[in-house]
C-alpha atoms as a PDB file:
ATOM      1  CA  MET A   1     156.754 139.517  32.469  1.00  0.00           C
ATOM      2  CA  ASN A   2     156.342 136.676  34.935  1.00  0.00           C
ATOM      3  CA  LEU A   3     154.137 136.400  38.036  1.00  0.00           C
ATOM      4  CA  GLU A   4     156.792 137.722  40.409  1.00  0.00           C
ATOM      5  CA  GLU A   5     157.272 140.813  38.313  1.00  0.00           C
ATOM      6  CA  VAL A   6     153.498 141.389  38.219  1.00  0.00           C
ATOM      7  CA  LYS A   7     153.316 141.075  42.020  1.00  0.00           C
ATOM      8  CA  GLN A   8     156.173 143.530  42.438  1.00  0.00           C
ATOM      9  CA  PHE A   9     154.572 146.010  40.073  1.00  0.00           C
ATOM     10  CA  LEU A  10     151.211 145.795  41.870  1.00  0.00           C
ATOM     11  CA  GLU A  11     152.919 146.217  45.262  1.00  0.00           C
ATOM     12  CA  GLN A  12     154.820 149.262  44.099  1.00  0.00           C
ATOM     13  CA  GLN A  13     151.838 150.849  42.394  1.00  0.00           C
ATOM     14  CA  LYS A  14     149.148 149.920  44.954  1.00  0.00           C
ATOM     15  CA  GLU A  15     148.445 153.557  45.825  1.00  0.00           C
ATOM     16  CA  THR A  16     147.721 154.631  42.280  1.00  0.00           C
ATOM     17  CA  PRO A  17     143.978 154.957  41.503  1.00  0.00           C
ATOM     18  CA  GLU A  18     144.100 152.622  38.478  1.00  0.00           C
ATOM     19  CA  VAL A  19     145.807 149.789  40.420  1.00  0.00           C
ATOM     20  CA  LYS A  20     143.469 150.283  43.412  1.00  0.00           C
ATOM     21  CA  SER A  21     140.473 150.035  41.145  1.00  0.00           C
ATOM     22  CA  TYR A  22     141.840 146.925  39.468  1.00  0.00           C
ATOM     23  CA  LEU A  23     142.656 145.214  42.792  1.00  0.00           C
ATOM     24  CA  ASN A  24     139.138 146.012  44.112  1.00  0.00           C
ATOM     25  CA  GLU A  25     137.632 144.390  41.039  1.00  0.00           C
ATOM     26  CA  LEU A  26     139.714 141.263  41.655  1.00  0.00           C
ATOM     27  CA  SER A  27     138.697 141.058  45.313  1.00  0.00           C
ATOM     28  CA  VAL A  28     134.948 141.331  44.659  1.00  0.00           C
ATOM     29  CA  LEU A  29     133.217 138.148  45.820  1.00  0.00           C
ATOM     30  CA  SER A  30     130.888 136.411  43.498  1.00  0.00           C
ATOM     31  CA  GLU A  31     128.300 133.825  44.464  1.00  0.00           C
ATOM     32  CA  ASP A  32     130.315 131.100  42.743  1.00  0.00           C
ATOM     33  CA  LYS A  33     133.498 132.061  44.639  1.00  0.00           C
ATOM     34  CA  VAL A  34     131.634 131.968  47.967  1.00  0.00           C
ATOM     35  CA  LYS A  35     130.071 128.558  47.198  1.00  0.00           C
ATOM     36  CA  GLN A  36     133.449 127.160  46.194  1.00  0.00           C
ATOM     37  CA  PHE A  37     134.998 128.454  49.397  1.00  0.00           C
ATOM     38  CA  LEU A  38     132.193 127.084  51.592  1.00  0.00           C
ATOM     39  CA  ASP A  39     132.612 123.627  50.063  1.00  0.00           C
ATOM     40  CA  THR A  40     136.222 123.479  51.267  1.00  0.00           C
ATOM     41  CA  ASP A  41     137.221 122.354  54.784  1.00  0.00           C
ATOM     42  CA  GLY A  42     138.231 125.918  55.655  1.00  0.00           C
ATOM     43  CA  GLY A  43     134.839 127.207  54.534  1.00  0.00           C
ATOM     44  CA  LYS A  44     133.011 124.585  56.585  1.00  0.00           C
ATOM     45  CA  LYS A  45     135.022 125.581  59.664  1.00  0.00           C
ATOM     46  CA  VAL A  46     133.905 129.175  59.182  1.00  0.00           C
ATOM     47  CA  LEU A  47     130.270 128.390  58.377  1.00  0.00           C
ATOM     48  CA  GLN A  48     129.416 125.606  60.861  1.00  0.00           C
ATOM     49  CA  PRO A  49     129.675 127.668  64.087  1.00  0.00           C
ATOM     50  CA  ARG A  50     127.412 130.322  62.581  1.00  0.00           C
ATOM     51  CA  LEU A  51     124.869 127.718  61.503  1.00  0.00           C
ATOM     52  CA  ASP A  52     124.965 126.133  64.969  1.00  0.00           C
ATOM     53  CA  GLN A  53     124.469 129.524  66.588  1.00  0.00           C
ATOM     54  CA  HIS A  54     121.431 130.306  64.416  1.00  0.00           C
ATOM     55  CA  PHE A  55     119.979 126.813  64.918  1.00  0.00           C
ATOM     56  CA  THR A  56     120.385 127.008  68.693  1.00  0.00           C
ATOM     57  CA  LYS A  57     118.739 130.415  68.789  1.00  0.00           C
ATOM     58  CA  GLY A  58     115.863 129.155  66.615  1.00  0.00           C
ATOM     59  CA  LEU A  59     115.431 126.061  68.773  1.00  0.00           C
ATOM     60  CA  GLU A  60     115.343 128.117  71.970  1.00  0.00           C
ATOM     61  CA  THR A  61     112.735 130.409  70.459  1.00  0.00           C
ATOM     62  CA  TRP A  62     110.640 127.420  69.371  1.00  0.00           C
ATOM     63  CA  LYS A  63     110.916 125.860  72.834  1.00  0.00           C
ATOM     64  CA  THR A  64     109.840 129.098  74.474  1.00  0.00           C
ATOM     65  CA  ASN A  65     106.846 129.483  72.170  1.00  0.00           C
ATOM     66  CA  ASN A  66     105.691 125.882  71.643  1.00  0.00           C
ATOM     67  CA  LEU A  67     107.191 123.263  73.978  1.00  0.00           C
ATOM     68  CA  ASP A  68     105.010 123.953  77.037  1.00  0.00           C
ATOM     69  CA  LYS A  69     101.866 123.710  74.914  1.00  0.00           C
ATOM     70  CA  LEU A  70     102.970 120.397  73.382  1.00  0.00           C
ATOM     71  CA  VAL A  71     103.939 118.927  76.753  1.00  0.00           C
ATOM     72  CA  ASP A  72     100.606 119.974  78.288  1.00  0.00           C
ATOM     73  CA  GLN A  73      98.727 118.496  75.327  1.00  0.00           C
ATOM     74  CA  LYS A  74     100.602 115.171  75.595  1.00  0.00           C
ATOM     75  CA  VAL A  75     100.033 115.014  79.353  1.00  0.00           C
ATOM     76  CA  LYS A  76      96.316 115.529  78.785  1.00  0.00           C
ATOM     77  CA  GLU A  77      96.301 112.755  76.169  1.00  0.00           C
ATOM     78  CA  LEU A  78      98.031 110.323  78.498  1.00  0.00           C
ATOM     79  CA  ASN A  79      96.122 111.388  81.622  1.00  0.00           C
ATOM     80  CA  PRO A  80      92.773 112.721  80.587  1.00  0.00           C
ATOM     81  CA  THR A  81      91.255 114.830  83.270  1.00  0.00           C
ATOM     82  CA  LYS A  82      88.334 113.254  85.020  1.00  0.00           C
ATOM     83  CA  ASN A  83      85.622 115.048  86.806  1.00  0.00           C
ATOM     84  CA  PRO A  84      85.105 114.273  90.503  1.00  0.00           C
ATOM     85  CA  LEU A  85      82.015 112.177  89.762  1.00  0.00           C
ATOM     86  CA  GLU A  86      83.969 109.858  87.431  1.00  0.00           C
ATOM     87  CA  ILE A  87      86.706 109.504  90.039  1.00  0.00           C
ATOM     88  CA  GLN A  88      84.144 108.636  92.721  1.00  0.00           C
ATOM     89  CA  VAL A  89      82.445 106.079  90.440  1.00  0.00           C
ATOM     90  CA  GLU A  90      85.813 104.422  89.734  1.00  0.00           C
ATOM     91  CA  ARG A  91      86.585 104.253  93.455  1.00  0.00           C
ATOM     92  CA  LEU A  92      83.192 102.728  94.208  1.00  0.00           C
ATOM     93  CA  GLU A  93      83.584 100.170  91.411  1.00  0.00           C
ATOM     94  CA  LYS A  94      86.995  99.200  92.749  1.00  0.00           C
ATOM     95  CA  THR A  95      85.626  98.900  96.293  1.00  0.00           C
ATOM     96  CA  LEU A  96      82.735  96.743  95.092  1.00  0.00           C
ATOM     97  CA  LYS A  97      85.070  94.518  93.104  1.00  0.00           C
ATOM     98  CA  MET A  98      87.347  94.060  96.131  1.00  0.00           C
ATOM     99  CA  LYS A  99      84.320  93.183  98.295  1.00  0.00           C
ATOM    100  CA  GLU A 100      83.299  90.480  95.819  1.00  0.00           C
ATOM    101  CA  ILE A 101      86.847  89.126  95.727  1.00  0.00           C
ATOM    102  CA  LYS A 102      86.976  89.114  99.536  1.00  0.00           C
ATOM    103  CA  GLU A 103      83.636  87.296  99.802  1.00  0.00           C
ATOM    104  CA  LYS A 104      84.833  84.579  97.431  1.00  0.00           C
ATOM    105  CA  ALA A 105      88.119  84.352  99.336  1.00  0.00           C
ATOM    106  CA  LEU A 106      86.316  84.023 102.674  1.00  0.00           C
ATOM    107  CA  GLU A 107      84.119  81.278 101.256  1.00  0.00           C
ATOM    108  CA  LYS A 108      87.147  79.405  99.905  1.00  0.00           C
ATOM    109  CA  ALA A 109      89.068  79.832 103.159  1.00  0.00           C
ATOM    110  CA  HIS A 110      86.106  78.516 105.120  1.00  0.00           C
ATOM    111  CA  GLN A 111      85.797  75.488 102.803  1.00  0.00           C
ATOM    112  CA  ASP A 112      89.539  74.774 103.018  1.00  0.00           C
ATOM    113  CA  GLY A 113      89.661  75.221 106.774  1.00  0.00           C
ATOM    114  CA  LEU A 114      92.004  78.216 106.649  1.00  0.00           C
ATOM    115  CA  PRO A 115      92.030  80.960 109.283  1.00  0.00           C
ATOM    116  CA  ILE A 116      89.809  83.726 107.920  1.00  0.00           C
ATOM    117  CA  GLN A 117      91.584  86.375 110.012  1.00  0.00           C
ATOM    118  CA  LEU A 118      94.462  86.274 107.495  1.00  0.00           C
ATOM    119  CA  ILE A 119      92.361  86.706 104.335  1.00  0.00           C
ATOM    120  CA  ASP A 120      93.321  90.351 103.794  1.00  0.00           C
ATOM    121  CA  PHE A 121      96.958  89.331 103.309  1.00  0.00           C
ATOM    122  CA  PHE A 122      96.072  87.160 100.300  1.00  0.00           C
ATOM    123  CA  LEU A 123      93.675  89.448  98.424  1.00  0.00           C
ATOM    124  CA  ASP A 124      94.768  90.539  94.971  1.00  0.00           C
ATOM    125  CA  GLU A 125      93.332  92.558  92.072  1.00  0.00           C
ATOM    126  CA  ASP A 126      91.324  89.662  90.682  1.00  0.00           C
ATOM    127  CA  SER A 127      89.721  86.451  91.902  1.00  0.00           C
ATOM    128  CA  GLU A 128      92.123  84.103  90.116  1.00  0.00           C
ATOM    129  CA  LYS A 129      95.217  85.619  91.717  1.00  0.00           C
ATOM    130  CA  THR A 130      93.516  85.650  95.115  1.00  0.00           C
ATOM    131  CA  GLU A 131      92.547  81.984  94.737  1.00  0.00           C
ATOM    132  CA  THR A 132      96.118  81.111  93.726  1.00  0.00           C
ATOM    133  CA  ASN A 133      97.421  82.964  96.784  1.00  0.00           C
ATOM    134  CA  LEU A 134      95.001  81.035  99.031  1.00  0.00           C
ATOM    135  CA  ASP A 135      95.951  77.711  97.435  1.00  0.00           C
ATOM    136  CA  ASN A 136      99.625  78.441  98.055  1.00  0.00           C
ATOM    137  CA  PHE A 137      98.864  79.426 101.642  1.00  0.00           C
ATOM    138  CA  LYS A 138      96.790  76.267 102.190  1.00  0.00           C
ATOM    139  CA  SER A 139      99.636  74.119 100.926  1.00  0.00           C
ATOM    140  CA  VAL A 140     102.178  75.775 103.229  1.00  0.00           C
ATOM    141  CA  PHE A 141      99.715  75.891 106.138  1.00  0.00           C
ATOM    142  CA  ASP A 142      98.868  72.178 105.798  1.00  0.00           C
ATOM    143  CA  GLN A 143     102.540  71.191 105.664  1.00  0.00           C
ATOM    144  CA  HIS A 144     103.274  73.285 108.738  1.00  0.00           C
ATOM    145  CA  LEU A 145     100.266  71.910 110.621  1.00  0.00           C
ATOM    146  CA  GLN A 146     101.237  68.343 109.732  1.00  0.00           C
ATOM    147  CA  SER A 147     104.834  68.811 110.897  1.00  0.00           C
ATOM    148  CA  LYS A 148     103.688  70.384 114.181  1.00  0.00           C
ATOM    149  CA  THR A 149     101.206  67.537 114.745  1.00  0.00           C
ATOM    150  CA  LYS A 150     103.942  64.955 114.212  1.00  0.00           C
ATOM    151  CA  GLU A 151     106.186  66.769 116.668  1.00  0.00           C
ATOM    152  CA  ARG A 152     103.454  66.805 119.318  1.00  0.00           C
ATOM    153  CA  LEU A 153     102.650  63.128 118.791  1.00  0.00           C
ATOM    154  CA  LYS A 154     106.307  62.212 119.141  1.00  0.00           C
ATOM    155  CA  GLU A 155     106.505  64.231 122.347  1.00  0.00           C
ATOM    156  CA  GLY A 156     103.565  62.218 123.690  1.00  0.00           C
ATOM    157  CA  GLY A 157     105.265  58.929 122.817  1.00  0.00           C
ATOM    158  CA  ILE A 158     103.086  58.093 119.831  1.00  0.00           C
ATOM    159  CA  ASP A 159     104.692  57.140 116.539  1.00  0.00           C
ATOM    160  CA  PRO A 160     103.065  59.400 113.902  1.00  0.00           C
ATOM    161  CA  LYS A 161     103.839  56.864 111.179  1.00  0.00           C
ATOM    162  CA  GLY A 162     101.372  54.601 112.863  1.00  0.00           C
ATOM    163  CA  SER A 163     101.572  51.002 113.897  1.00  0.00           C
ATOM    164  CA  PRO A 164     100.419  48.290 111.521  1.00  0.00           C
ATOM    165  CA  GLN A 165      97.551  47.399 113.848  1.00  0.00           C
ATOM    166  CA  PRO A 166      95.159  49.979 115.179  1.00  0.00           C
ATOM    167  CA  SER A 167      95.174  50.272 118.969  1.00  0.00           C
ATOM    168  CA  LYS A 168      92.463  48.250 120.647  1.00  0.00           C
ATOM    169  CA  THR A 169      89.928  49.757 122.961  1.00  0.00           C
ATOM    170  CA  PHE A 170      87.778  47.880 125.408  1.00  0.00           C
ATOM    171  CA  THR A 171      84.837  48.548 127.594  1.00  0.00           C
ATOM    172  CA  MET A 172      84.805  47.676 131.276  1.00  0.00           C
ATOM    173  CA  GLU A 173      82.356  44.857 130.613  1.00  0.00           C
ATOM    174  CA  GLN A 174      84.627  43.340 127.944  1.00  0.00           C
ATOM    175  CA  ILE A 175      87.561  43.382 130.355  1.00  0.00           C
ATOM    176  CA  ARG A 176      85.528  41.587 133.079  1.00  0.00           C
ATOM    177  CA  ASN A 177      84.484  38.861 130.652  1.00  0.00           C
ATOM    178  CA  MET A 178      88.054  38.236 129.334  1.00  0.00           C
ATOM    179  CA  SER A 179      89.761  34.937 129.819  1.00  0.00           C
ATOM    180  CA  PRO A 180      93.311  34.953 131.251  1.00  0.00           C
ATOM    181  CA  GLU A 181      94.708  34.222 127.752  1.00  0.00           C
ATOM    182  CA  GLU A 182      92.799  37.157 126.207  1.00  0.00           C
ATOM    183  CA  TYR A 183      93.961  39.367 129.033  1.00  0.00           C
ATOM    184  CA  LYS A 184      97.606  38.394 128.411  1.00  0.00           C
ATOM    185  CA  ALA A 185      97.265  39.009 124.661  1.00  0.00           C
ATOM    186  CA  ASN A 186      95.768  42.477 125.225  1.00  0.00           C
ATOM    187  CA  GLN A 187      97.421  43.369 128.501  1.00  0.00           C
ATOM    188  CA  GLU A 188      98.998  46.629 127.282  1.00  0.00           C
ATOM    189  CA  ALA A 189      95.718  48.009 125.905  1.00  0.00           C
ATOM    190  CA  VAL A 190      93.769  46.905 128.990  1.00  0.00           C
ATOM    191  CA  ASP A 191      96.332  48.463 131.355  1.00  0.00           C
ATOM    192  CA  GLN A 192      96.227  51.682 129.376  1.00  0.00           C
ATOM    193  CA  PHE A 193      92.425  51.759 129.565  1.00  0.00           C
ATOM    194  CA  LEU A 194      92.440  51.100 133.296  1.00  0.00           C
ATOM    195  CA  SER A 195      94.995  53.867 133.924  1.00  0.00           C
ATOM    196  CA  LEU A 196      92.644  56.465 132.499  1.00  0.00           C
END
């Protein structure tokens, strides 16, 4: 008898109690058969969705029971709660520190000849940064002041680069005692003095 004949016999006799009993024995799953099946690609396709479903349900349950507590605990670690007195002390310390920084900045601005009305714009969290800000402002302020001064001098007819000789000034008595040659040599300066 070959396999085809056995299949035919079992198909024909499937309603008989002996064949039913035998077929049930063959179809009983053993642990080894299940493991072998689960190791195959077909078994993994059957098992993976069920595992994912159970994992997701377990994760959701864990989140519901534990996640809020863990988040609250971590928030407290990162931002410990402070009582109102501690908060007030911190504010006062910060205010005092800023006053000290402002006093130093005002002193520096006064020494450097900077307008003290603008000090608040240059204050920073520490003295070094504030001093750097003031130094930068002084540099820009001086350059601006110098350029404006040159513009004004040019408008008034004075060369800001300067002449090689300083302008001469005379008193009225010196002008009266001048010889005609001295007067000619200094005529421009004398005329300018007399026009005032």
